[in-house]
């Protein structure tokens, strides 16, 4: 469970620091349902930009922000239903949209969740400690941003081959940026950097998204209900939630799959991974270009009991679809295929990992032969705004994008196969769960008893974690009350 023991002296220091800087903390309940945010804070947000470094933007850590760059408050969940001219499936497919979070990606939620319990217990002291955010992309951006809002010094760690946009922005936000060797798959190098930091820098506190239980908890408590809201908005009488698909990544978003399984009998939870690094499918390794997905290990916070299917996504498909969805020639071909202008204008809501999630969802929907009364949901973690340089790089590497290539790419999309799909049996789930041993027990020193509890006592382990959201909310409310006193 999340350690909620209180250091009263440090907690009091944190309260005084927040009082001095005018910082208030949102609860899980408010992030899930921002109608419960105080009106005075909503009024303040009307004069604050979505990406501004302002502590009131902590209350914009929700899926329900108005889709505005400045001055927005709250509304319904932001989501995008893909037309069947694109998906080629009988099932309806939609994704919740991460673009309208501060930083343009939903990882600020996981980062806030990881830091807030440490602040309200006094276990993290911003005056003497630095928050270290190791990541394959958006999480360290979210961590650096949340740290800035909470007046906490931060260190961001990410692979050197990530997009230029990420590094340029991070340098304005984090106190220190460390680029580790390799690409999205080089998680081991990130872990090694963290080990070195822990040995040499006593002021550093590592918030590793791959083992941080508050990451799972935020998605269970906030993303799951948001996806449930989208289903209820989309569904006609007789429809059911047949499938939810996520990426391997840190496994945080898979926490929302557990929530949806509890609320929709028979729904399946799937995980997509790059075919070039088939860790779940084949205990494999490799490098790939689906930015934001970390591989070569199974995250500590991945609840395998609630994972039903694994889908391999060829990273070349995501790169080609990035161009099809965003280049003028691609949009022209899609329009000729019957895609509406309204849908075309929303395609840039999917970044590379969002496109990867879409491809995995289409493949799984075809595998399960989902029908007209089925709905499949996924997550569009970020948008094209974080990948503009990739389009320029592809143009330099492959030449101008023309109608001939767009026709080929549309044909590829319409004929996505169900290869590299594994429906996980009980034995498969146990096999994948046991891969955690090599990374987390042998290499990083976690406890074997907890690893076993995740599997053999799964309901008590994960259910006990989920129950902590209400406890933390109570601690946040008490903390805020003392800040305001």
Protein backbone atom coordinates (compact mmCIF):
# COMPACT_ATOMS: atom_id res chain seq x y z
CA UNK A 1 0.00 0.00 0.00
CA UNK A 2 0.92 3.67 -0.22
CA UNK A 3 2.80 4.65 2.93
CA UNK A 4 0.60 7.21 4.68
CA UNK A 5 2.53 7.51 7.94
CA UNK A 6 2.72 11.17 8.93
CA UNK A 7 5.81 13.20 9.79
CA UNK A 8 3.97 15.93 11.66
CA UNK A 9 6.87 18.37 11.81
CA UNK A 10 7.53 18.15 8.04
CA UNK A 11 3.79 18.22 7.31
CA UNK A 12 3.52 21.48 9.24
CA UNK A 13 6.40 22.94 7.21
CA UNK A 14 4.61 21.95 3.99
CA UNK A 15 1.40 23.58 5.18
CA UNK A 16 3.22 26.83 5.93
CA UNK A 17 4.96 26.71 2.55
CA UNK A 18 1.64 26.25 0.73
CA UNK A 19 0.07 29.01 2.81
CA UNK A 20 2.91 31.35 1.86
CA UNK A 21 2.56 30.54 -1.85
CA UNK A 22 -1.24 30.30 -1.95
CA UNK A 23 -1.27 26.62 -2.99
CA UNK A 24 -4.35 24.45 -2.54
CA UNK A 25 -4.51 20.76 -3.48
CA UNK A 26 -7.29 19.03 -5.43
CA UNK A 27 -8.71 15.73 -4.18
CA UNK A 28 -9.29 12.60 -6.25
CA UNK A 29 -13.01 13.36 -5.91
CA UNK A 30 -12.54 16.82 -7.44
CA UNK A 31 -10.34 15.50 -10.27
CA UNK A 32 -13.00 12.90 -10.99
CA UNK A 33 -15.89 15.37 -10.68
CA UNK A 34 -14.71 18.98 -11.01
CA UNK A 35 -18.21 20.31 -10.33
CA UNK A 36 -17.07 19.89 -6.72
CA UNK A 37 -14.20 22.35 -7.16
CA UNK A 38 -14.96 25.56 -5.19
CA UNK A 39 -16.49 28.35 -7.28
CA UNK A 40 -13.75 30.76 -6.21
CA UNK A 41 -11.14 28.53 -7.88
CA UNK A 42 -13.25 28.18 -11.04
CA UNK A 43 -13.44 31.96 -11.20
CA UNK A 44 -9.66 32.24 -10.91
CA UNK A 45 -9.16 29.70 -13.72
CA UNK A 46 -11.04 31.96 -16.12
CA UNK A 47 -7.96 34.19 -16.23
CA UNK A 48 -5.32 31.44 -16.37
CA UNK A 49 -3.90 29.69 -19.44
CA UNK A 50 -3.99 25.90 -19.67
CA UNK A 51 -0.20 25.59 -19.63
CA UNK A 52 0.53 28.54 -17.33
CA UNK A 53 2.78 27.91 -14.34
CA UNK A 54 0.09 28.72 -11.80
CA UNK A 55 -0.85 26.55 -8.83
CA UNK A 56 -4.56 26.79 -9.62
CA UNK A 57 -3.83 24.65 -12.69
CA UNK A 58 -3.56 21.75 -10.25
CA UNK A 59 -7.35 21.77 -10.45
CA UNK A 60 -7.10 21.22 -14.20
CA UNK A 61 -5.65 17.75 -13.57
CA UNK A 62 -8.87 16.23 -14.88
CA UNK A 63 -10.29 14.74 -18.08
CA UNK A 64 -13.11 17.30 -17.92
CA UNK A 65 -11.38 20.54 -18.85
CA UNK A 66 -13.00 22.84 -21.36
CA UNK A 67 -11.03 22.42 -24.62
CA UNK A 68 -9.59 25.93 -24.50
CA UNK A 69 -6.03 27.22 -24.37
CA UNK A 70 -6.94 29.88 -21.81
CA UNK A 71 -9.76 30.67 -19.43
CA UNK A 72 -11.58 27.38 -19.60
CA UNK A 73 -13.26 25.80 -16.61
CA UNK A 74 -14.90 22.38 -16.77
CA UNK A 75 -17.39 20.38 -18.81
CA UNK A 76 -17.80 16.83 -20.10
CA UNK A 77 -14.97 14.37 -20.70
CA UNK A 78 -13.02 15.22 -23.84
CA UNK A 79 -13.22 12.29 -26.24
CA UNK A 80 -13.20 11.54 -29.97
CA UNK A 81 -15.22 8.81 -31.67
CA UNK A 82 -13.50 7.52 -34.79
CA UNK A 83 -15.70 7.06 -37.89
CA UNK A 84 -16.04 3.55 -39.28
CA UNK A 85 -14.46 4.81 -42.53
CA UNK A 86 -11.23 4.87 -40.50
CA UNK A 87 -11.65 1.94 -38.10
CA UNK A 88 -13.27 -0.53 -40.51
CA UNK A 89 -14.98 -2.21 -37.54
CA UNK A 90 -18.62 -2.82 -36.72
CA UNK A 91 -17.91 -1.83 -33.14
CA UNK A 92 -17.80 1.85 -32.30
CA UNK A 93 -14.35 3.01 -31.17
CA UNK A 94 -13.53 6.16 -29.22
CA UNK A 95 -10.64 7.53 -27.19
CA UNK A 96 -10.52 9.97 -24.31
CA UNK A 97 -8.31 12.94 -25.19
CA UNK A 98 -5.21 13.97 -23.24
CA UNK A 99 -4.48 17.16 -25.17
CA UNK A 100 -6.53 19.33 -22.85
CA UNK A 101 -4.53 18.62 -19.73
CA UNK A 102 -1.83 21.10 -18.74
CA UNK A 103 1.33 20.02 -20.65
CA UNK A 104 -0.89 18.48 -23.34
CA UNK A 105 -0.79 14.97 -21.89
CA UNK A 106 -2.61 13.11 -19.14
CA UNK A 107 0.57 12.08 -17.29
CA UNK A 108 0.24 15.14 -15.08
CA UNK A 109 -2.44 13.13 -13.26
CA UNK A 110 -0.12 10.28 -12.37
CA UNK A 111 2.63 12.72 -11.37
CA UNK A 112 0.33 14.73 -9.11
CA UNK A 113 -0.98 11.55 -7.51
CA UNK A 114 2.57 10.38 -6.76
CA UNK A 115 3.61 13.65 -5.13
CA UNK A 116 0.49 14.73 -3.26
CA UNK A 117 0.41 11.92 -0.72
CA UNK A 118 4.09 12.60 0.07
CA UNK A 119 3.33 16.28 0.66
CA UNK A 120 0.28 15.89 2.90
CA UNK A 121 2.04 13.28 5.05
CA UNK A 122 5.22 15.34 5.26
CA UNK A 123 7.26 12.49 3.82
CA UNK A 124 8.58 14.85 1.11
CA UNK A 125 10.10 18.20 2.07
CA UNK A 126 10.45 20.55 -0.94
CA UNK A 127 12.92 22.71 0.98
CA UNK A 128 15.48 19.94 1.34
CA UNK A 129 14.57 17.37 -1.34
CA UNK A 130 14.36 17.18 -5.14
CA UNK A 131 11.67 15.18 -6.95
CA UNK A 132 13.22 12.96 -9.62
CA UNK A 133 10.94 11.96 -12.49
CA UNK A 134 12.29 9.06 -14.62
CA UNK A 135 10.25 8.49 -17.76
CA UNK A 136 10.09 7.53 -21.42
CA UNK A 137 8.36 10.82 -22.22
CA UNK A 138 5.27 12.52 -20.88
CA UNK A 139 5.52 11.44 -17.25
CA UNK A 140 8.71 13.40 -16.59
CA UNK A 141 7.13 16.39 -18.32
CA UNK A 142 4.11 16.05 -16.06
CA UNK A 143 6.31 15.59 -13.02
CA UNK A 144 8.42 18.66 -13.78
CA UNK A 145 5.26 20.73 -14.32
CA UNK A 146 3.51 19.52 -11.16
CA UNK A 147 6.71 20.11 -9.20
CA UNK A 148 6.85 23.68 -10.50
CA UNK A 149 3.23 24.29 -9.48
CA UNK A 150 3.94 22.89 -6.02
CA UNK A 151 7.19 24.86 -5.63
CA UNK A 152 9.24 21.66 -5.56
CA UNK A 153 12.64 21.41 -7.28
CA UNK A 154 12.74 18.64 -9.88
CA UNK A 155 14.97 16.48 -12.05
CA UNK A 156 13.58 15.05 -15.32
CA UNK A 157 15.06 11.91 -16.87
CA UNK A 158 14.15 10.65 -20.34
CA UNK A 159 15.77 8.89 -23.33
CA UNK A 160 17.93 11.02 -25.60
CA UNK A 161 16.01 9.99 -28.73
CA UNK A 162 12.68 11.48 -27.62
CA UNK A 163 11.20 14.34 -29.66
CA UNK A 164 12.78 17.80 -29.67
CA UNK A 165 9.56 19.35 -28.39
CA UNK A 166 9.83 17.41 -25.14
CA UNK A 167 13.40 18.48 -24.40
CA UNK A 168 12.87 22.12 -25.38
CA UNK A 169 9.91 22.51 -23.03
CA UNK A 170 11.48 20.53 -20.19
CA UNK A 171 14.45 22.87 -20.06
CA UNK A 172 12.04 25.68 -19.15
CA UNK A 173 10.38 23.66 -16.40
CA UNK A 174 12.73 21.26 -14.60
CA UNK A 175 15.73 22.33 -12.52
CA UNK A 176 17.75 19.62 -14.25
CA UNK A 177 17.20 17.48 -17.38
CA UNK A 178 19.09 14.21 -17.86
CA UNK A 179 19.08 12.43 -21.25
CA UNK A 180 19.82 8.70 -20.97
CA UNK A 181 21.06 6.62 -23.92
CA UNK A 182 18.59 5.16 -26.41
CA UNK A 183 14.88 5.33 -27.23
CA UNK A 184 11.55 4.44 -25.64
CA UNK A 185 12.62 0.85 -25.03
CA UNK A 186 15.74 1.74 -23.07
CA UNK A 187 14.09 1.65 -19.65
CA UNK A 188 17.01 -0.20 -18.08
CA UNK A 189 19.27 2.80 -18.74
CA UNK A 190 16.77 5.04 -16.96
CA UNK A 191 16.70 2.71 -13.96
CA UNK A 192 20.52 2.65 -13.85
CA UNK A 193 20.58 6.46 -13.77
CA UNK A 194 18.12 6.39 -10.86
CA UNK A 195 20.27 3.88 -8.98
CA UNK A 196 23.29 6.13 -9.43
CA UNK A 197 21.34 9.19 -8.26
CA UNK A 198 20.14 7.37 -5.14
CA UNK A 199 23.72 6.41 -4.29
CA UNK A 200 25.23 9.85 -4.79
CA UNK A 201 22.50 12.39 -4.05
CA UNK A 202 20.84 12.11 -0.64
CA UNK A 203 18.54 15.00 -1.49
CA UNK A 204 16.89 13.07 -4.36
CA UNK A 205 13.53 11.27 -4.10
CA UNK A 206 12.78 8.97 -7.04
CA UNK A 207 9.19 8.92 -8.29
CA UNK A 208 9.47 5.97 -10.67
CA UNK A 209 6.20 5.75 -12.62
CA UNK A 210 6.75 2.04 -13.22
CA UNK A 211 6.52 1.14 -9.52
CA UNK A 212 4.54 4.04 -8.04
CA UNK A 213 1.21 2.72 -6.76
CA UNK A 214 -0.33 6.23 -6.81
CA UNK A 215 0.05 6.10 -10.62
CA UNK A 216 -2.33 3.12 -10.76
CA UNK A 217 -4.56 4.72 -8.12
CA UNK A 218 -5.06 7.95 -10.09
CA UNK A 219 -6.16 6.08 -13.19
CA UNK A 220 -8.46 3.78 -11.20
CA UNK A 221 -10.03 6.75 -9.40
CA UNK A 222 -10.11 9.33 -12.22
CA UNK A 223 -9.52 7.81 -15.68
CA UNK A 224 -11.81 4.82 -15.11
CA UNK A 225 -14.83 6.96 -14.18
CA UNK A 226 -14.05 9.30 -17.12
CA UNK A 227 -14.15 6.38 -19.56
CA UNK A 228 -17.36 5.18 -17.93
CA UNK A 229 -18.87 8.63 -18.54
CA UNK A 230 -17.91 8.41 -22.22
CA UNK A 231 -19.50 4.99 -22.56
CA UNK A 232 -22.72 6.24 -20.96
CA UNK A 233 -22.76 9.21 -23.32
CA UNK A 234 -22.18 7.05 -26.40
CA UNK A 235 -24.29 4.02 -25.57
CA UNK A 236 -27.70 3.26 -27.00
CA UNK A 237 -30.08 0.82 -25.29
CA UNK A 238 -28.56 -2.64 -25.56
CA UNK A 239 -24.97 -1.47 -26.13
CA UNK A 240 -22.24 -2.76 -23.87
CA UNK A 241 -18.63 -1.91 -23.15
CA UNK A 242 -16.87 -4.80 -24.83
CA UNK A 243 -13.25 -3.68 -24.73
CA UNK A 244 -10.85 -1.12 -23.28
CA UNK A 245 -7.33 -0.90 -24.71
CA UNK A 246 -4.18 0.70 -23.32
CA UNK A 247 -0.44 0.72 -23.99
CA UNK A 248 2.11 -1.20 -21.95
CA UNK A 249 4.02 1.93 -20.85
CA UNK A 250 4.08 2.25 -17.07
CA UNK A 251 0.81 0.24 -16.80
CA UNK A 252 -0.75 3.15 -14.92
CA UNK A 253 -3.68 3.61 -17.30
CA UNK A 254 -4.46 -0.10 -16.93
CA UNK A 255 -5.73 0.81 -13.47
CA UNK A 256 -8.77 2.31 -15.19
CA UNK A 257 -9.35 -1.08 -16.81
CA UNK A 258 -9.77 -2.59 -13.35
CA UNK A 259 -12.36 0.07 -12.52
CA UNK A 260 -14.28 -0.63 -15.73
CA UNK A 261 -14.18 -4.39 -15.16
CA UNK A 262 -15.79 -3.81 -11.78
CA UNK A 263 -18.57 -1.72 -13.34
CA UNK A 264 -19.19 -3.54 -16.65
CA UNK A 265 -19.68 -7.28 -16.52
CA UNK A 266 -17.80 -9.04 -19.31
CA UNK A 267 -15.67 -6.14 -20.52
CA UNK A 268 -12.17 -7.10 -21.65
CA UNK A 269 -9.01 -5.15 -20.88
CA UNK A 270 -6.21 -5.17 -23.43
CA UNK A 271 -2.64 -3.96 -23.58
CA UNK A 272 -0.80 -2.95 -26.74
CA UNK A 273 2.95 -3.08 -27.15
CA UNK A 274 5.37 -2.37 -29.96
CA UNK A 275 5.94 -5.41 -32.16
CA UNK A 276 9.60 -4.42 -32.27
CA UNK A 277 9.81 -5.00 -28.48
CA UNK A 278 7.31 -7.83 -27.76
CA UNK A 279 7.82 -8.18 -24.01
CA UNK A 280 4.40 -9.57 -23.13
CA UNK A 281 3.94 -11.48 -26.38
CA UNK A 282 7.34 -13.13 -26.55
CA UNK A 283 9.40 -12.17 -23.47
CA UNK A 284 11.28 -10.13 -26.05
CA UNK A 285 13.36 -7.01 -26.43
CA UNK A 286 14.28 -4.40 -29.00
CA UNK A 287 13.83 -0.73 -29.88
CA UNK A 288 10.86 1.05 -31.44
CA UNK A 289 9.37 4.42 -32.38
CA UNK A 290 6.05 4.53 -30.51
CA UNK A 291 7.05 7.37 -28.20
CA UNK A 292 5.86 7.13 -24.64
CA UNK A 293 5.88 3.34 -24.27
CA UNK A 294 8.61 1.81 -22.12
CA UNK A 295 9.44 -1.85 -22.59
CA UNK A 296 11.78 -4.77 -21.85
CA UNK A 297 10.19 -5.27 -18.46
CA UNK A 298 6.79 -5.64 -16.79
CA UNK A 299 5.94 -2.63 -14.59
CA UNK A 300 5.50 -3.34 -10.89
CA UNK A 301 2.04 -1.73 -10.96
CA UNK A 302 0.66 -3.88 -13.80
CA UNK A 303 -2.30 -5.89 -12.46
CA UNK A 304 -2.08 -8.96 -14.70
CA UNK A 305 -5.20 -10.57 -13.25
CA UNK A 306 -7.24 -7.91 -15.06
CA UNK A 307 -5.43 -8.07 -18.43
CA UNK A 308 -7.18 -10.20 -21.03
CA UNK A 309 -5.42 -9.63 -24.34
CA UNK A 310 -2.04 -8.42 -25.63
CA UNK A 311 -1.72 -6.87 -29.08
CA UNK A 312 1.51 -6.25 -30.98
CA UNK A 313 1.57 -3.00 -32.98
CA UNK A 314 4.15 -2.53 -35.72
CA UNK A 315 5.70 0.88 -35.14
CA UNK A 316 5.90 1.42 -38.91
CA UNK A 317 2.10 1.43 -39.01
CA UNK A 318 1.93 4.23 -36.43
CA UNK A 319 4.50 6.31 -38.32
CA UNK A 320 2.66 5.94 -41.62
CA UNK A 321 -0.67 6.77 -40.02
CA UNK A 322 0.85 9.86 -38.39
CA UNK A 323 1.42 11.16 -41.91
CA UNK A 324 -1.90 9.92 -43.30
CA UNK A 325 -3.83 11.67 -40.53
CA UNK A 326 -1.93 14.96 -40.67
CA UNK A 327 -0.47 15.60 -44.14
CA UNK A 328 -2.70 17.43 -46.68
CA UNK A 329 -2.51 14.53 -49.16
CA UNK A 330 -3.57 12.12 -46.46
CA UNK A 331 -6.55 14.19 -45.39
CA UNK A 332 -7.61 14.54 -49.03
CA UNK A 333 -7.61 10.76 -49.50
CA UNK A 334 -9.50 10.25 -46.24
CA UNK A 335 -12.11 12.81 -47.28
CA UNK A 336 -12.57 11.00 -50.58
CA UNK A 337 -13.10 7.80 -48.58
CA UNK A 338 -16.03 9.42 -46.77
CA UNK A 339 -14.43 10.75 -43.60
CA UNK A 340 -16.26 13.90 -42.54
CA UNK A 341 -14.53 17.26 -42.17
CA UNK A 342 -15.44 17.24 -38.48
CA UNK A 343 -13.56 13.96 -38.00
CA UNK A 344 -10.62 15.09 -40.15
CA UNK A 345 -10.21 18.18 -38.00
CA UNK A 346 -9.89 16.01 -34.88
CA UNK A 347 -7.27 13.56 -36.13
CA UNK A 348 -4.48 15.69 -34.69
CA UNK A 349 -5.83 14.84 -31.23
CA UNK A 350 -3.82 11.63 -31.54
CA UNK A 351 -0.06 11.65 -31.02
CA UNK A 352 2.08 8.66 -31.92
CA UNK A 353 1.16 6.63 -28.84
CA UNK A 354 -2.52 7.54 -29.34
CA UNK A 355 -2.33 6.20 -32.90
CA UNK A 356 -0.69 3.08 -31.50
CA UNK A 357 -3.61 2.67 -29.08
CA UNK A 358 -6.06 3.10 -31.93
CA UNK A 359 -4.34 0.42 -34.02
CA UNK A 360 -4.31 -1.98 -31.05
CA UNK A 361 -8.01 -1.32 -30.43
CA UNK A 362 -8.94 -1.98 -34.06
CA UNK A 363 -6.95 -5.23 -34.08
CA UNK A 364 -8.53 -6.43 -30.82
CA UNK A 365 -12.04 -5.47 -32.01
CA UNK A 366 -11.49 -7.51 -35.15
CA UNK A 367 -10.04 -10.41 -33.17
CA UNK A 368 -13.10 -10.56 -30.90
CA UNK A 369 -15.43 -9.99 -33.89
CA UNK A 370 -17.19 -7.18 -32.02
CA UNK A 371 -20.56 -6.16 -33.43
CA UNK A 372 -22.76 -3.10 -33.85
CA UNK A 373 -23.85 -3.09 -30.21
CA UNK A 374 -20.28 -3.14 -28.91
CA UNK A 375 -18.25 -0.12 -27.83
CA UNK A 376 -14.46 -0.15 -27.50
CA UNK A 377 -12.62 2.62 -25.67
CA UNK A 378 -8.98 3.65 -25.56
CA UNK A 379 -6.79 6.59 -24.51
CA UNK A 380 -5.30 9.27 -26.76
CA UNK A 381 -2.57 10.17 -24.32
CA UNK A 382 -1.30 13.26 -26.16
CA UNK A 383 -1.64 15.01 -29.51
CA UNK A 384 0.26 16.01 -32.65
CA UNK A 385 1.33 19.17 -30.81
CA UNK A 386 4.14 17.16 -29.24
CA UNK A 387 5.32 15.56 -32.49
CA UNK A 388 5.46 18.29 -35.14
CA UNK A 389 9.20 17.77 -35.54
CA UNK A 390 8.60 14.11 -36.36
CA UNK A 391 6.60 15.07 -39.45
CA UNK A 392 9.46 17.28 -40.61
CA UNK A 393 11.94 14.48 -39.99
CA UNK A 394 9.81 12.00 -41.94
CA UNK A 395 9.56 14.43 -44.86
CA UNK A 396 13.33 14.79 -44.91
CA UNK A 397 13.85 11.04 -44.61
CA UNK A 398 11.13 9.77 -46.98
CA UNK A 399 10.32 12.68 -49.21
CA UNK A 400 7.07 14.60 -49.70
CA UNK A 401 3.86 12.83 -48.76
CA UNK A 402 1.78 12.37 -51.91
CA UNK A 403 -1.52 10.79 -52.93
CA UNK A 404 0.11 7.52 -53.98
CA UNK A 405 1.56 6.99 -50.50
CA UNK A 406 -1.66 8.13 -48.86
CA UNK A 407 -3.61 5.54 -50.89
CA UNK A 408 -1.21 2.83 -49.74
CA UNK A 409 -1.51 3.91 -46.11
CA UNK A 410 -5.30 4.03 -46.20
CA UNK A 411 -5.36 0.55 -47.71
CA UNK A 412 -3.04 -0.62 -44.91
CA UNK A 413 -5.38 0.90 -42.31
CA UNK A 414 -8.47 -0.73 -43.82
CA UNK A 415 -6.77 -4.13 -43.83
CA UNK A 416 -5.20 -4.27 -40.39
CA UNK A 417 -4.82 -7.94 -39.55
CA UNK A 418 -5.24 -9.80 -36.27
CA UNK A 419 -1.70 -11.14 -36.29
CA UNK A 420 0.41 -10.84 -33.14
CA UNK A 421 -2.63 -10.97 -30.88
CA UNK A 422 -2.56 -13.12 -27.75
CA UNK A 423 -5.66 -13.76 -25.66
CA UNK A 424 -4.17 -14.34 -22.23
CA UNK A 425 -5.07 -17.54 -20.41
CA UNK A 426 -4.68 -17.78 -16.64
CA UNK A 427 -1.28 -19.40 -17.21
CA UNK A 428 -0.24 -16.63 -19.63
CA UNK A 429 -1.16 -13.98 -17.08
CA UNK A 430 0.85 -15.74 -14.39
CA UNK A 431 3.81 -16.13 -16.77
CA UNK A 432 3.85 -12.40 -17.53
CA UNK A 433 3.38 -11.46 -13.88
CA UNK A 434 6.40 -13.57 -12.95
CA UNK A 435 8.59 -11.57 -15.34
CA UNK A 436 8.44 -8.82 -12.70
CA UNK A 437 10.78 -10.93 -10.57
CA UNK A 438 13.87 -10.33 -12.70
CA UNK A 439 13.54 -6.54 -12.82
CA UNK A 440 12.03 -5.69 -9.48
CA UNK A 441 13.25 -8.37 -7.07
CA UNK A 442 16.65 -9.36 -8.44
CA UNK A 443 17.75 -5.98 -9.81
CA UNK A 444 15.89 -3.35 -7.80
CA UNK A 445 15.43 -5.04 -4.42
CA UNK A 446 11.68 -5.10 -3.94
CA UNK A 447 10.07 -7.65 -1.64
CA UNK A 448 9.10 -11.11 -2.82
CA UNK A 449 6.14 -11.20 -0.43
CA UNK A 450 4.56 -8.20 -2.14
CA UNK A 451 5.13 -9.70 -5.59
CA UNK A 452 3.33 -12.84 -4.46
CA UNK A 453 0.54 -10.83 -2.82
CA UNK A 454 -0.15 -9.02 -6.12
CA UNK A 455 -0.99 -12.39 -7.63
CA UNK A 456 -2.17 -14.80 -4.94
CA UNK A 457 -4.10 -12.21 -2.92
CA UNK A 458 -4.97 -9.95 -5.83
CA UNK A 459 -8.34 -8.65 -4.66
CA UNK A 460 -7.08 -7.68 -1.23
CA UNK A 461 -3.89 -6.13 -2.61
CA UNK A 462 -5.42 -3.97 -5.34
CA UNK A 463 -8.69 -3.40 -3.49
CA UNK A 464 -6.78 -2.16 -0.44
CA UNK A 465 -4.89 0.27 -2.64
CA UNK A 466 -8.11 1.58 -4.21
CA UNK A 467 -9.61 2.20 -0.77
CA UNK A 468 -6.73 4.57 0.01
CA UNK A 469 -8.09 7.22 -2.37
CA UNK A 470 -10.75 8.25 0.15
CA UNK A 471 -8.20 8.26 2.95
CA UNK A 472 -5.85 10.50 0.97
CA UNK A 473 -8.76 12.79 0.09
CA UNK A 474 -9.45 13.22 3.79
CA UNK A 475 -5.80 14.09 4.37
CA UNK A 476 -5.85 16.59 1.49
CA UNK A 477 -8.98 18.26 2.85
CA UNK A 478 -7.42 18.56 6.32
CA UNK A 479 -4.21 19.94 4.78
CA UNK A 480 -6.13 22.55 2.74
CA UNK A 481 -8.19 23.57 5.77
CA UNK A 482 -4.99 24.31 7.68
CA UNK A 483 -3.52 26.21 4.71
CA UNK A 484 -6.61 28.44 4.69
CA UNK A 485 -6.74 28.87 8.46
